């Protein structure tokens, strides 16, 4: 049995790839901190501590894009990359779950 074949990533510049990777790292940490999903304070604390360095790496990736003259964020292309990299599930951990229906 073959493993499922994932769609290919769209063509990205190296800086765009770095931007997407760093963005998802920040998203993952925010998901661990989210009080609606967090299991315990220690795990949330560790994620909050890591968030600062991941946010700095995200800032650096965006600064590199800007320095290289990549002034536009091609949201359609980057959205496709996020979907391939499971971004919908990962960003879903940041949101507040819907209220239970009565």
N, C-alpha and C. Protein backbone atom coordinates (compact mmCIF):
# COMPACT_ATOMS: atom_id res chain seq x y z
N UNK A 1 0.83 -1.17 0.00
CA UNK A 1 0.00 0.00 0.00
C UNK A 1 0.88 1.24 0.00
N UNK A 2 0.60 2.14 -0.91
CA UNK A 2 1.37 3.37 -1.04
C UNK A 2 0.84 4.43 -0.09
N UNK A 3 1.72 5.27 0.47
CA UNK A 3 1.23 6.39 1.29
C UNK A 3 0.49 7.38 0.40
N UNK A 4 -0.42 8.16 0.99
CA UNK A 4 -1.15 9.12 0.15
C UNK A 4 -0.21 10.13 -0.48
N UNK A 5 -0.55 10.51 -1.69
CA UNK A 5 0.27 11.48 -2.40
C UNK A 5 -0.27 12.88 -2.13
N UNK A 6 0.57 13.71 -1.58
CA UNK A 6 0.18 15.07 -1.26
C UNK A 6 0.38 15.96 -2.47
N UNK A 7 -0.45 17.00 -2.62
CA UNK A 7 -0.23 17.90 -3.74
C UNK A 7 1.10 18.61 -3.58
N UNK A 8 1.73 18.94 -4.69
CA UNK A 8 3.02 19.62 -4.59
C UNK A 8 2.85 21.04 -4.07
N UNK A 9 3.89 21.51 -3.41
CA UNK A 9 3.90 22.91 -2.99
C UNK A 9 3.99 23.79 -4.23
N UNK A 10 3.33 24.93 -4.20
CA UNK A 10 3.50 25.86 -5.34
C UNK A 10 4.93 26.39 -5.34
N UNK A 11 5.33 26.92 -6.46
CA UNK A 11 6.68 27.49 -6.57
C UNK A 11 6.76 28.73 -5.67
N UNK A 12 7.71 28.69 -4.75
CA UNK A 12 7.92 29.81 -3.82
C UNK A 12 9.37 30.25 -3.90
N UNK A 13 9.61 31.52 -3.64
CA UNK A 13 10.99 31.94 -3.47
C UNK A 13 11.48 31.36 -2.14
N UNK A 14 12.75 31.33 -1.95
CA UNK A 14 13.29 30.84 -0.68
C UNK A 14 12.77 31.68 0.49
N UNK A 15 12.68 33.00 0.29
CA UNK A 15 12.18 33.88 1.34
C UNK A 15 10.70 33.61 1.64
N UNK A 16 9.90 33.35 0.59
CA UNK A 16 8.49 33.03 0.82
C UNK A 16 8.35 31.71 1.59
N UNK A 17 9.17 30.74 1.23
CA UNK A 17 9.14 29.47 1.96
C UNK A 17 9.50 29.66 3.42
N UNK A 18 10.49 30.48 3.67
CA UNK A 18 10.89 30.78 5.05
C UNK A 18 9.76 31.50 5.79
N UNK A 19 9.10 32.43 5.12
CA UNK A 19 7.97 33.15 5.71
C UNK A 19 6.87 32.19 6.11
N UNK A 20 6.50 31.28 5.22
CA UNK A 20 5.44 30.31 5.52
C UNK A 20 5.85 29.40 6.68
N UNK A 21 7.07 28.91 6.65
CA UNK A 21 7.54 28.03 7.74
C UNK A 21 7.52 28.74 9.08
N UNK A 22 8.03 29.97 9.13
CA UNK A 22 8.06 30.71 10.39
C UNK A 22 6.64 31.06 10.86
N UNK A 23 5.77 31.42 9.91
CA UNK A 23 4.37 31.73 10.25
C UNK A 23 3.71 30.52 10.91
N UNK A 24 3.90 29.34 10.34
CA UNK A 24 3.28 28.15 10.91
C UNK A 24 3.86 27.80 12.28
N UNK A 25 5.13 28.09 12.49
CA UNK A 25 5.71 27.88 13.83
C UNK A 25 5.02 28.78 14.86
N UNK A 26 4.79 30.04 14.48
CA UNK A 26 4.08 30.96 15.38
C UNK A 26 2.67 30.46 15.63
N UNK A 27 1.99 30.04 14.58
CA UNK A 27 0.62 29.52 14.71
C UNK A 27 0.59 28.32 15.67
N UNK A 28 1.54 27.41 15.52
CA UNK A 28 1.58 26.23 16.39
C UNK A 28 1.73 26.63 17.86
N UNK A 29 2.59 27.61 18.13
CA UNK A 29 2.78 28.05 19.52
C UNK A 29 1.52 28.73 20.05
N UNK A 30 0.89 29.56 19.23
CA UNK A 30 -0.35 30.21 19.66
C UNK A 30 -1.44 29.17 19.94
N UNK A 31 -1.48 28.12 19.15
CA UNK A 31 -2.45 27.05 19.40
C UNK A 31 -2.20 26.36 20.72
N UNK A 32 -0.95 26.22 21.11
CA UNK A 32 -0.62 25.59 22.40
C UNK A 32 -0.95 26.50 23.58
N UNK A 33 -0.94 27.81 23.34
CA UNK A 33 -1.22 28.78 24.40
C UNK A 33 -2.73 29.01 24.55
N UNK A 34 -3.48 28.86 23.48
CA UNK A 34 -4.91 29.16 23.46
C UNK A 34 -5.62 28.51 24.64
N UNK A 35 -6.22 29.30 25.53
CA UNK A 35 -6.88 28.74 26.70
C UNK A 35 -8.06 27.83 26.35
N UNK A 36 -8.62 27.98 25.17
CA UNK A 36 -9.72 27.12 24.76
C UNK A 36 -9.25 25.71 24.41
N UNK A 37 -7.94 25.55 24.18
CA UNK A 37 -7.40 24.25 23.79
C UNK A 37 -6.27 23.76 24.70
N UNK A 38 -5.73 24.63 25.52
CA UNK A 38 -4.57 24.26 26.34
C UNK A 38 -4.96 23.22 27.39
N UNK A 39 -4.03 22.32 27.67
CA UNK A 39 -4.27 21.27 28.67
C UNK A 39 -3.75 21.65 30.05
N UNK A 40 -2.61 22.31 30.09
CA UNK A 40 -2.04 22.68 31.39
C UNK A 40 -1.20 23.93 31.27
N UNK A 41 -0.97 24.58 32.40
CA UNK A 41 -0.26 25.86 32.39
C UNK A 41 1.20 25.71 31.99
N UNK A 42 1.83 24.61 32.36
CA UNK A 42 3.25 24.45 32.04
C UNK A 42 3.46 24.39 30.52
N UNK A 43 2.62 23.62 29.84
CA UNK A 43 2.75 23.53 28.38
C UNK A 43 2.49 24.89 27.74
N UNK A 44 1.48 25.61 28.22
CA UNK A 44 1.18 26.95 27.68
C UNK A 44 2.33 27.91 27.97
N UNK A 45 2.91 27.82 29.15
CA UNK A 45 4.06 28.66 29.50
C UNK A 45 5.23 28.40 28.57
N UNK A 46 5.55 27.14 28.34
CA UNK A 46 6.67 26.79 27.45
C UNK A 46 6.40 27.31 26.02
N UNK A 47 5.16 27.20 25.57
CA UNK A 47 4.81 27.69 24.24
C UNK A 47 4.94 29.21 24.17
N UNK A 48 4.52 29.89 25.24
CA UNK A 48 4.63 31.35 25.28
C UNK A 48 6.10 31.79 25.26
N UNK A 49 6.94 31.05 25.96
CA UNK A 49 8.37 31.37 25.95
C UNK A 49 8.96 31.17 24.56
N UNK A 50 8.55 30.10 23.88
CA UNK A 50 9.07 29.82 22.54
C UNK A 50 8.52 30.81 21.51
N UNK A 51 7.33 31.33 21.77
CA UNK A 51 6.68 32.23 20.82
C UNK A 51 7.55 33.44 20.50
N UNK A 52 8.23 33.97 21.49
CA UNK A 52 9.06 35.17 21.25
C UNK A 52 10.14 34.90 20.20
N UNK A 53 10.82 33.77 20.29
CA UNK A 53 11.88 33.49 19.31
C UNK A 53 11.28 33.17 17.94
N UNK A 54 10.16 32.48 17.91
CA UNK A 54 9.52 32.19 16.63
C UNK A 54 9.01 33.46 15.98
N UNK A 55 8.47 34.37 16.77
CA UNK A 55 7.99 35.65 16.22
C UNK A 55 9.16 36.45 15.66
N UNK A 56 10.30 36.42 16.33
CA UNK A 56 11.48 37.12 15.82
C UNK A 56 11.94 36.50 14.50
N UNK A 57 11.88 35.19 14.39
CA UNK A 57 12.27 34.52 13.14
C UNK A 57 11.29 34.88 12.02
N UNK A 58 10.01 35.00 12.35
CA UNK A 58 9.01 35.42 11.36
C UNK A 58 9.29 36.85 10.90
N UNK A 59 9.60 37.72 11.86
CA UNK A 59 9.96 39.11 11.51
C UNK A 59 11.17 39.13 10.58
N UNK A 60 12.17 38.32 10.88
CA UNK A 60 13.38 38.29 10.07
C UNK A 60 13.08 37.77 8.66
N UNK A 61 12.18 36.79 8.53
CA UNK A 61 11.82 36.27 7.22
C UNK A 61 11.14 37.35 6.39
N UNK A 62 10.25 38.10 7.02
CA UNK A 62 9.58 39.19 6.31
C UNK A 62 10.56 40.32 5.96
N UNK A 63 11.48 40.60 6.85
CA UNK A 63 12.49 41.63 6.57
C UNK A 63 13.35 41.21 5.39
N UNK A 64 13.70 39.93 5.32
CA UNK A 64 14.50 39.43 4.20
C UNK A 64 13.74 39.57 2.88
N UNK A 65 12.45 39.24 2.90
CA UNK A 65 11.64 39.41 1.69
C UNK A 65 11.67 40.87 1.25
N UNK A 66 11.48 41.77 2.22
CA UNK A 66 11.46 43.19 1.90
C UNK A 66 12.82 43.65 1.35
N UNK A 67 13.89 43.21 1.97
CA UNK A 67 15.24 43.59 1.53
C UNK A 67 15.53 43.09 0.12
N UNK A 68 14.99 41.94 -0.23
CA UNK A 68 15.21 41.37 -1.56
C UNK A 68 14.29 41.98 -2.61
N UNK A 69 13.48 42.93 -2.20
CA UNK A 69 12.59 43.59 -3.15
C UNK A 69 11.27 42.86 -3.36
N UNK A 70 10.99 41.87 -2.55
CA UNK A 70 9.71 41.17 -2.65
C UNK A 70 8.70 41.98 -1.85
N UNK A 71 8.15 42.98 -2.50
CA UNK A 71 7.29 43.94 -1.81
C UNK A 71 5.85 43.45 -1.67
N UNK A 72 5.47 42.46 -2.47
CA UNK A 72 4.09 41.99 -2.43
C UNK A 72 4.03 40.58 -1.84
N UNK A 73 2.99 40.35 -1.06
CA UNK A 73 2.70 39.01 -0.57
C UNK A 73 1.67 38.42 -1.53
N UNK A 74 2.02 37.37 -2.19
CA UNK A 74 1.13 36.72 -3.16
C UNK A 74 0.23 35.75 -2.41
N UNK A 75 -0.86 36.29 -1.90
CA UNK A 75 -1.70 35.54 -0.98
C UNK A 75 -2.30 34.28 -1.58
N UNK A 76 -2.65 34.28 -2.85
CA UNK A 76 -3.23 33.07 -3.45
C UNK A 76 -2.21 31.93 -3.44
N UNK A 77 -0.99 32.23 -3.83
CA UNK A 77 0.07 31.22 -3.86
C UNK A 77 0.41 30.76 -2.45
N UNK A 78 0.53 31.71 -1.53
CA UNK A 78 0.89 31.34 -0.15
C UNK A 78 -0.26 30.60 0.54
N UNK A 79 -1.48 30.90 0.17
CA UNK A 79 -2.62 30.15 0.72
C UNK A 79 -2.57 28.70 0.26
N UNK A 80 -2.23 28.48 -1.01
CA UNK A 80 -2.08 27.09 -1.49
C UNK A 80 -0.98 26.37 -0.71
N UNK A 81 0.12 27.06 -0.45
CA UNK A 81 1.21 26.44 0.32
C UNK A 81 0.74 26.12 1.74
N UNK A 82 -0.01 27.03 2.35
CA UNK A 82 -0.52 26.77 3.70
C UNK A 82 -1.43 25.54 3.72
N UNK A 83 -2.26 25.40 2.71
CA UNK A 83 -3.16 24.23 2.65
C UNK A 83 -2.36 22.93 2.52
N UNK A 84 -1.35 22.93 1.69
CA UNK A 84 -0.51 21.74 1.53
C UNK A 84 0.18 21.39 2.84
N UNK A 85 0.56 22.41 3.61
CA UNK A 85 1.28 22.20 4.87
C UNK A 85 0.34 22.09 6.08
N UNK A 86 -0.93 21.77 5.84
CA UNK A 86 -1.91 21.53 6.90
C UNK A 86 -2.21 22.79 7.70
N UNK A 87 -2.13 23.93 7.04
CA UNK A 87 -2.35 25.20 7.72
C UNK A 87 -3.76 25.39 8.24
N UNK A 88 -4.76 24.81 7.57
CA UNK A 88 -6.13 24.97 8.04
C UNK A 88 -6.33 24.34 9.42
N UNK A 89 -5.82 23.12 9.59
CA UNK A 89 -5.94 22.47 10.89
C UNK A 89 -5.12 23.21 11.94
N UNK A 90 -3.92 23.61 11.56
CA UNK A 90 -3.02 24.26 12.52
C UNK A 90 -3.57 25.60 12.98
N UNK A 91 -4.13 26.39 12.05
CA UNK A 91 -4.69 27.68 12.45
C UNK A 91 -6.01 27.51 13.19
N UNK A 92 -6.68 26.39 12.99
CA UNK A 92 -7.93 26.12 13.70
C UNK A 92 -7.74 26.03 15.20
N UNK A 93 -6.54 25.72 15.66
CA UNK A 93 -6.27 25.63 17.10
C UNK A 93 -6.16 27.01 17.75
N UNK A 94 -6.11 28.06 16.93
CA UNK A 94 -6.03 29.42 17.47
C UNK A 94 -7.42 29.95 17.82
N UNK A 95 -8.42 29.46 17.14
CA UNK A 95 -9.77 30.00 17.31
C UNK A 95 -10.46 29.47 18.56
N UNK A 96 -11.53 30.13 18.93
CA UNK A 96 -12.37 29.68 20.04
C UNK A 96 -13.43 28.75 19.45
N UNK A 97 -13.62 27.57 20.04
CA UNK A 97 -14.62 26.67 19.48
C UNK A 97 -16.01 27.28 19.56
N UNK A 98 -16.91 26.87 18.67
CA UNK A 98 -18.28 27.42 18.72
C UNK A 98 -18.97 27.05 20.03
N UNK A 99 -19.88 27.91 20.44
CA UNK A 99 -20.63 27.66 21.68
C UNK A 99 -21.52 26.44 21.48
N UNK A 100 -21.66 25.63 22.54
CA UNK A 100 -22.54 24.46 22.41
C UNK A 100 -23.98 24.90 22.21
N UNK A 101 -24.69 24.16 21.38
CA UNK A 101 -26.11 24.48 21.16
C UNK A 101 -26.95 23.83 22.24
N UNK A 102 -28.01 24.50 22.61
CA UNK A 102 -28.87 23.98 23.69
C UNK A 102 -29.83 22.95 23.19
